[in-house]
Amino acid sequence: MADDLEKGDHVSWKSHGSEVEGTVKREITSETEAAGRTVKASKEEPQYEVESDGSGRTAVHKPGALHQK
């Protein structure tokens, strides 16, 4: 689990049985649209928009799903 992530941090996460590496693009702390869906985040429960190094696609994950590299 990654705590205190910041924009630019290099992280990894599991996706469809594989480990993906990428970069944190932003911390989300309020309800917003990101990665093609509505993200229900708050300051108490932030989520992070990440960009895959391999595909360039973006995704949103809770901190517990991300691991700092």
PDB file of N, CA and C in Angstrom:
ATOM      1  N   MET A   1       0.842  -1.180   0.000  1.00  0.00           N
ATOM      2  CA  MET A   1       0.000   0.000   0.000  1.00  0.00           C
ATOM      3  C   MET A   1       0.881   1.234   0.000  1.00  0.00           C
ATOM      4  N   ALA A   2       0.465   2.245  -0.732  1.00  0.00           N
ATOM      5  CA  ALA A   2       1.239   3.480  -0.827  1.00  0.00           C
ATOM      6  C   ALA A   2       0.519   4.598  -0.085  1.00  0.00           C
ATOM      7  N   ASP A   3       1.239   5.243   0.802  1.00  0.00           N
ATOM      8  CA  ASP A   3       0.696   6.389   1.526  1.00  0.00           C
ATOM      9  C   ASP A   3       1.386   7.650   1.031  1.00  0.00           C
ATOM     10  N   ASP A   4       0.686   8.759   1.107  1.00  0.00           N
ATOM     11  CA  ASP A   4       1.260  10.057   0.759  1.00  0.00           C
ATOM     12  C   ASP A   4       1.853  10.083  -0.647  1.00  0.00           C
ATOM     13  N   LEU A   5       1.105   9.612  -1.614  1.00  0.00           N
ATOM     14  CA  LEU A   5       1.560   9.670  -2.998  1.00  0.00           C
ATOM     15  C   LEU A   5       1.471  11.096  -3.507  1.00  0.00           C
ATOM     16  N   GLU A   6       2.348  11.429  -4.438  1.00  0.00           N
ATOM     17  CA  GLU A   6       2.354  12.758  -5.035  1.00  0.00           C
ATOM     18  C   GLU A   6       2.445  12.632  -6.545  1.00  0.00           C
ATOM     19  N   LYS A   7       2.042  13.692  -7.234  1.00  0.00           N
ATOM     20  CA  LYS A   7       2.147  13.743  -8.686  1.00  0.00           C
ATOM     21  C   LYS A   7       3.588  13.445  -9.086  1.00  0.00           C
ATOM     22  N   GLY A   8       3.745  12.556 -10.057  1.00  0.00           N
ATOM     23  CA  GLY A   8       5.067  12.198 -10.544  1.00  0.00           C
ATOM     24  C   GLY A   8       5.650  10.946  -9.924  1.00  0.00           C
ATOM     25  N   ASP A   9       5.067  10.458  -8.817  1.00  0.00           N
ATOM     26  CA  ASP A   9       5.566   9.233  -8.189  1.00  0.00           C
ATOM     27  C   ASP A   9       5.383   8.042  -9.131  1.00  0.00           C
ATOM     28  N   HIS A  10       6.359   7.144  -9.160  1.00  0.00           N
ATOM     29  CA  HIS A  10       6.282   5.937  -9.970  1.00  0.00           C
ATOM     30  C   HIS A  10       5.686   4.831  -9.107  1.00  0.00           C
ATOM     31  N   VAL A  11       4.620   4.190  -9.603  1.00  0.00           N
ATOM     32  CA  VAL A  11       3.885   3.190  -8.836  1.00  0.00           C
ATOM     33  C   VAL A  11       3.586   1.967  -9.694  1.00  0.00           C
ATOM     34  N   SER A  12       3.112   0.909  -9.034  1.00  0.00           N
ATOM     35  CA  SER A  12       2.634  -0.276  -9.747  1.00  0.00           C
ATOM     36  C   SER A  12       1.290  -0.675  -9.164  1.00  0.00           C
ATOM     37  N   TRP A  13       0.514  -1.443  -9.954  1.00  0.00           N
ATOM     38  CA  TRP A  13      -0.781  -1.941  -9.513  1.00  0.00           C
ATOM     39  C   TRP A  13      -1.123  -3.177 -10.332  1.00  0.00           C
ATOM     40  N   LYS A  14      -2.058  -3.955  -9.847  1.00  0.00           N
ATOM     41  CA  LYS A  14      -2.505  -5.162 -10.540  1.00  0.00           C
ATOM     42  C   LYS A  14      -3.651  -4.800 -11.484  1.00  0.00           C
ATOM     43  N   SER A  15      -3.582  -5.346 -12.694  1.00  0.00           N
ATOM     44  CA  SER A  15      -4.640  -5.133 -13.673  1.00  0.00           C
ATOM     45  C   SER A  15      -4.792  -6.400 -14.505  1.00  0.00           C
ATOM     46  N   HIS A  16      -5.937  -7.021 -14.417  1.00  0.00           N
ATOM     47  CA  HIS A  16      -6.237  -8.231 -15.190  1.00  0.00           C
ATOM     48  C   HIS A  16      -5.157  -9.295 -15.012  1.00  0.00           C
ATOM     49  N   GLY A  17      -4.699  -9.484 -13.774  1.00  0.00           N
ATOM     50  CA  GLY A  17      -3.738 -10.530 -13.470  1.00  0.00           C
ATOM     51  C   GLY A  17      -2.286 -10.185 -13.727  1.00  0.00           C
ATOM     52  N   SER A  18      -2.018  -9.000 -14.229  1.00  0.00           N
ATOM     53  CA  SER A  18      -0.648  -8.573 -14.492  1.00  0.00           C
ATOM     54  C   SER A  18      -0.303  -7.371 -13.631  1.00  0.00           C
ATOM     55  N   GLU A  19       0.992  -7.147 -13.437  1.00  0.00           N
ATOM     56  CA  GLU A  19       1.423  -5.947 -12.727  1.00  0.00           C
ATOM     57  C   GLU A  19       1.722  -4.858 -13.748  1.00  0.00           C
ATOM     58  N   VAL A  20       1.150  -3.687 -13.522  1.00  0.00           N
ATOM     59  CA  VAL A  20       1.325  -2.547 -14.411  1.00  0.00           C
ATOM     60  C   VAL A  20       2.108  -1.483 -13.661  1.00  0.00           C
ATOM     61  N   GLU A  21       3.004  -0.792 -14.369  1.00  0.00           N
ATOM     62  CA  GLU A  21       3.734   0.318 -13.774  1.00  0.00           C
ATOM     63  C   GLU A  21       3.328   1.600 -14.469  1.00  0.00           C
ATOM     64  N   GLY A  22       3.348   2.690 -13.697  1.00  0.00           N
ATOM     65  CA  GLY A  22       2.984   3.969 -14.265  1.00  0.00           C
ATOM     66  C   GLY A  22       3.294   5.103 -13.316  1.00  0.00           C
ATOM     67  N   THR A  23       2.722   6.257 -13.624  1.00  0.00           N
ATOM     68  CA  THR A  23       3.017   7.487 -12.904  1.00  0.00           C
ATOM     69  C   THR A  23       1.740   8.100 -12.353  1.00  0.00           C
ATOM     70  N   VAL A  24       1.810   8.603 -11.129  1.00  0.00           N
ATOM     71  CA  VAL A  24       0.681   9.316 -10.533  1.00  0.00           C
ATOM     72  C   VAL A  24       0.522  10.648 -11.259  1.00  0.00           C
ATOM     73  N   LYS A  25      -0.677  10.900 -11.764  1.00  0.00           N
ATOM     74  CA  LYS A  25      -0.967  12.157 -12.452  1.00  0.00           C
ATOM     75  C   LYS A  25      -1.582  13.185 -11.514  1.00  0.00           C
ATOM     76  N   ARG A  26      -2.437  12.714 -10.586  1.00  0.00           N
ATOM     77  CA  ARG A  26      -3.044  13.639  -9.627  1.00  0.00           C
ATOM     78  C   ARG A  26      -3.743  12.877  -8.516  1.00  0.00           C
ATOM     79  N   GLU A  27      -3.881  13.574  -7.390  1.00  0.00           N
ATOM     80  CA  GLU A  27      -4.665  13.071  -6.269  1.00  0.00           C
ATOM     81  C   GLU A  27      -6.071  13.632  -6.426  1.00  0.00           C
ATOM     82  N   ILE A  28      -7.077  12.796  -6.242  1.00  0.00           N
ATOM     83  CA  ILE A  28      -8.470  13.224  -6.357  1.00  0.00           C
ATOM     84  C   ILE A  28      -9.077  13.212  -4.961  1.00  0.00           C
ATOM     85  N   THR A  29      -9.618  14.361  -4.538  1.00  0.00           N
ATOM     86  CA  THR A  29     -10.158  14.476  -3.176  1.00  0.00           C
ATOM     87  C   THR A  29     -11.606  14.944  -3.150  1.00  0.00           C
ATOM     88  N   SER A  30     -12.277  14.896  -4.301  1.00  0.00           N
ATOM     89  CA  SER A  30     -13.701  15.227  -4.351  1.00  0.00           C
ATOM     90  C   SER A  30     -14.323  14.454  -5.508  1.00  0.00           C
ATOM     91  N   GLU A  31     -15.644  14.403  -5.541  1.00  0.00           N
ATOM     92  CA  GLU A  31     -16.320  13.693  -6.623  1.00  0.00           C
ATOM     93  C   GLU A  31     -16.008  14.390  -7.934  1.00  0.00           C
ATOM     94  N   THR A  32     -15.550  13.620  -8.911  1.00  0.00           N
ATOM     95  CA  THR A  32     -15.169  14.189 -10.200  1.00  0.00           C
ATOM     96  C   THR A  32     -15.219  13.114 -11.280  1.00  0.00           C
ATOM     97  N   GLU A  33     -15.086  13.517 -12.519  1.00  0.00           N
ATOM     98  CA  GLU A  33     -14.997  12.592 -13.643  1.00  0.00           C
ATOM     99  C   GLU A  33     -13.521  12.376 -13.965  1.00  0.00           C
ATOM    100  N   ALA A  34     -13.106  11.122 -14.038  1.00  0.00           N
ATOM    101  CA  ALA A  34     -11.726  10.793 -14.397  1.00  0.00           C
ATOM    102  C   ALA A  34     -11.684   9.391 -14.973  1.00  0.00           C
ATOM    103  N   ALA A  35     -10.818   9.182 -15.941  1.00  0.00           N
ATOM    104  CA  ALA A  35     -10.639   7.868 -16.568  1.00  0.00           C
ATOM    105  C   ALA A  35     -11.965   7.282 -17.050  1.00  0.00           C
ATOM    106  N   GLY A  36     -12.852   8.142 -17.518  1.00  0.00           N
ATOM    107  CA  GLY A  36     -14.108   7.693 -18.093  1.00  0.00           C
ATOM    108  C   GLY A  36     -15.181   7.282 -17.109  1.00  0.00           C
ATOM    109  N   ARG A  37     -15.041   7.661 -15.841  1.00  0.00           N
ATOM    110  CA  ARG A  37     -16.069   7.306 -14.859  1.00  0.00           C
ATOM    111  C   ARG A  37     -16.151   8.369 -13.774  1.00  0.00           C
ATOM    112  N   THR A  38     -17.215   8.284 -12.970  1.00  0.00           N
ATOM    113  CA  THR A  38     -17.357   9.177 -11.825  1.00  0.00           C
ATOM    114  C   THR A  38     -16.578   8.599 -10.657  1.00  0.00           C
ATOM    115  N   VAL A  39     -15.698   9.408 -10.090  1.00  0.00           N
ATOM    116  CA  VAL A  39     -14.871   8.988  -8.961  1.00  0.00           C
ATOM    117  C   VAL A  39     -15.423   9.644  -7.710  1.00  0.00           C
ATOM    118  N   LYS A  40     -15.789   8.835  -6.725  1.00  0.00           N
ATOM    119  CA  LYS A  40     -16.317   9.360  -5.461  1.00  0.00           C
ATOM    120  C   LYS A  40     -15.204   9.322  -4.430  1.00  0.00           C
ATOM    121  N   ALA A  41     -14.434  10.388  -4.393  1.00  0.00           N
ATOM    122  CA  ALA A  41     -13.304  10.488  -3.470  1.00  0.00           C
ATOM    123  C   ALA A  41     -13.544  11.647  -2.515  1.00  0.00           C
ATOM    124  N   SER A  42     -12.752  11.682  -1.444  1.00  0.00           N
ATOM    125  CA  SER A  42     -12.822  12.780  -0.475  1.00  0.00           C
ATOM    126  C   SER A  42     -11.427  12.998   0.097  1.00  0.00           C
ATOM    127  N   LYS A  43     -11.257  14.054   0.889  1.00  0.00           N
ATOM    128  CA  LYS A  43      -9.959  14.288   1.527  1.00  0.00           C
ATOM    129  C   LYS A  43      -9.615  13.146   2.469  1.00  0.00           C
ATOM    130  N   GLU A  44     -10.640  12.566   3.109  1.00  0.00           N
ATOM    131  CA  GLU A  44     -10.426  11.446   4.025  1.00  0.00           C
ATOM    132  C   GLU A  44     -10.146  10.142   3.279  1.00  0.00           C
ATOM    133  N   GLU A  45     -10.695  10.012   2.077  1.00  0.00           N
ATOM    134  CA  GLU A  45     -10.521   8.807   1.262  1.00  0.00           C
ATOM    135  C   GLU A  45     -10.164   9.204  -0.167  1.00  0.00           C
ATOM    136  N   PRO A  46      -8.929   9.662  -0.373  1.00  0.00           N
ATOM    137  CA  PRO A  46      -8.530  10.096  -1.717  1.00  0.00           C
ATOM    138  C   PRO A  46      -8.345   8.912  -2.663  1.00  0.00           C
ATOM    139  N   GLN A  47      -8.370   9.217  -3.945  1.00  0.00           N
ATOM    140  CA  GLN A  47      -8.023   8.244  -4.973  1.00  0.00           C
ATOM    141  C   GLN A  47      -6.999   8.917  -5.883  1.00  0.00           C
ATOM    142  N   TYR A  48      -6.322   8.108  -6.696  1.00  0.00           N
ATOM    143  CA  TYR A  48      -5.239   8.631  -7.516  1.00  0.00           C
ATOM    144  C   TYR A  48      -5.433   8.267  -8.978  1.00  0.00           C
ATOM    145  N   GLU A  49      -5.290   9.268  -9.850  1.00  0.00           N
ATOM    146  CA  GLU A  49      -5.299   9.024 -11.282  1.00  0.00           C
ATOM    147  C   GLU A  49      -3.872   8.678 -11.686  1.00  0.00           C
ATOM    148  N   VAL A  50      -3.710   7.544 -12.354  1.00  0.00           N
ATOM    149  CA  VAL A  50      -2.396   7.073 -12.765  1.00  0.00           C
ATOM    150  C   VAL A  50      -2.386   6.838 -14.273  1.00  0.00           C
ATOM    151  N   GLU A  51      -1.206   6.965 -14.873  1.00  0.00           N
ATOM    152  CA  GLU A  51      -1.043   6.716 -16.303  1.00  0.00           C
ATOM    153  C   GLU A  51      -0.079   5.558 -16.490  1.00  0.00           C
ATOM    154  N   SER A  52      -0.493   4.561 -17.243  1.00  0.00           N
ATOM    155  CA  SER A  52       0.323   3.378 -17.501  1.00  0.00           C
ATOM    156  C   SER A  52       1.531   3.728 -18.354  1.00  0.00           C
ATOM    157  N   ASP A  53       2.708   3.229 -17.953  1.00  0.00           N
ATOM    158  CA  ASP A  53       3.921   3.420 -18.754  1.00  0.00           C
ATOM    159  C   ASP A  53       3.799   2.720 -20.103  1.00  0.00           C
ATOM    160  N   GLY A  54       3.167   1.563 -20.121  1.00  0.00           N
ATOM    161  CA  GLY A  54       3.095   0.761 -21.339  1.00  0.00           C
ATOM    162  C   GLY A  54       2.081   1.245 -22.354  1.00  0.00           C
ATOM    163  N   SER A  55       0.849   1.489 -21.905  1.00  0.00           N
ATOM    164  CA  SER A  55      -0.233   1.825 -22.837  1.00  0.00           C
ATOM    165  C   SER A  55      -0.539   3.310 -22.908  1.00  0.00           C
ATOM    166  N   GLY A  56      -0.137   4.063 -21.886  1.00  0.00           N
ATOM    167  CA  GLY A  56      -0.470   5.487 -21.840  1.00  0.00           C
ATOM    168  C   GLY A  56      -1.888   5.751 -21.375  1.00  0.00           C
ATOM    169  N   ARG A  57      -2.637   4.700 -21.075  1.00  0.00           N
ATOM    170  CA  ARG A  57      -4.020   4.860 -20.609  1.00  0.00           C
ATOM    171  C   ARG A  57      -4.040   5.302 -19.156  1.00  0.00           C
ATOM    172  N   THR A  58      -5.129   5.970 -18.784  1.00  0.00           N
ATOM    173  CA  THR A  58      -5.272   6.407 -17.399  1.00  0.00           C
ATOM    174  C   THR A  58      -6.262   5.512 -16.666  1.00  0.00           C
ATOM    175  N   ALA A  59      -6.070   5.436 -15.362  1.00  0.00           N
ATOM    176  CA  ALA A  59      -6.954   4.676 -14.483  1.00  0.00           C
ATOM    177  C   ALA A  59      -6.998   5.407 -13.154  1.00  0.00           C
ATOM    178  N   VAL A  60      -7.970   5.059 -12.327  1.00  0.00           N
ATOM    179  CA  VAL A  60      -8.084   5.644 -10.990  1.00  0.00           C
ATOM    180  C   VAL A  60      -8.090   4.510  -9.977  1.00  0.00           C
ATOM    181  N   HIS A  61      -7.262   4.653  -8.936  1.00  0.00           N
ATOM    182  CA  HIS A  61      -7.156   3.613  -7.914  1.00  0.00           C
ATOM    183  C   HIS A  61      -7.132   4.216  -6.522  1.00  0.00           C
ATOM    184  N   LYS A  62      -7.598   3.421  -5.566  1.00  0.00           N
ATOM    185  CA  LYS A  62      -7.472   3.784  -4.154  1.00  0.00           C
ATOM    186  C   LYS A  62      -6.021   3.546  -3.742  1.00  0.00           C
ATOM    187  N   PRO A  63      -5.553   4.231  -2.702  1.00  0.00           N
ATOM    188  CA  PRO A  63      -4.156   4.093  -2.286  1.00  0.00           C
ATOM    189  C   PRO A  63      -3.738   2.655  -1.990  1.00  0.00           C
ATOM    190  N   GLY A  64      -4.647   1.847  -1.462  1.00  0.00           N
ATOM    191  CA  GLY A  64      -4.317   0.469  -1.120  1.00  0.00           C
ATOM    192  C   GLY A  64      -3.967  -0.403  -2.312  1.00  0.00           C
ATOM    193  N   ALA A  65      -4.357   0.021  -3.511  1.00  0.00           N
ATOM    194  CA  ALA A  65      -4.071  -0.759  -4.713  1.00  0.00           C
ATOM    195  C   ALA A  65      -2.742  -0.381  -5.353  1.00  0.00           C
ATOM    196  N   LEU A  66      -2.132   0.701  -4.884  1.00  0.00           N
ATOM    197  CA  LEU A  66      -0.901   1.205  -5.495  1.00  0.00           C
ATOM    198  C   LEU A  66       0.310   0.908  -4.620  1.00  0.00           C
ATOM    199  N   HIS A  67       1.409   0.591  -5.271  1.00  0.00           N
ATOM    200  CA  HIS A  67       2.663   0.290  -4.572  1.00  0.00           C
ATOM    201  C   HIS A  67       3.761   1.168  -5.158  1.00  0.00           C
ATOM    202  N   GLN A  68       4.435   1.937  -4.310  1.00  0.00           N
ATOM    203  CA  GLN A  68       5.512   2.799  -4.792  1.00  0.00           C
ATOM    204  C   GLN A  68       6.674   1.962  -5.284  1.00  0.00           C
ATOM    205  N   LYS A  69       7.280   2.405  -6.373  1.00  0.00           N
ATOM    206  CA  LYS A  69       8.442   1.709  -6.958  1.00  0.00           C
ATOM    207  C   LYS A  69       9.714   2.391  -6.527  1.00  0.00           C
TER     208      LYS A  69
END
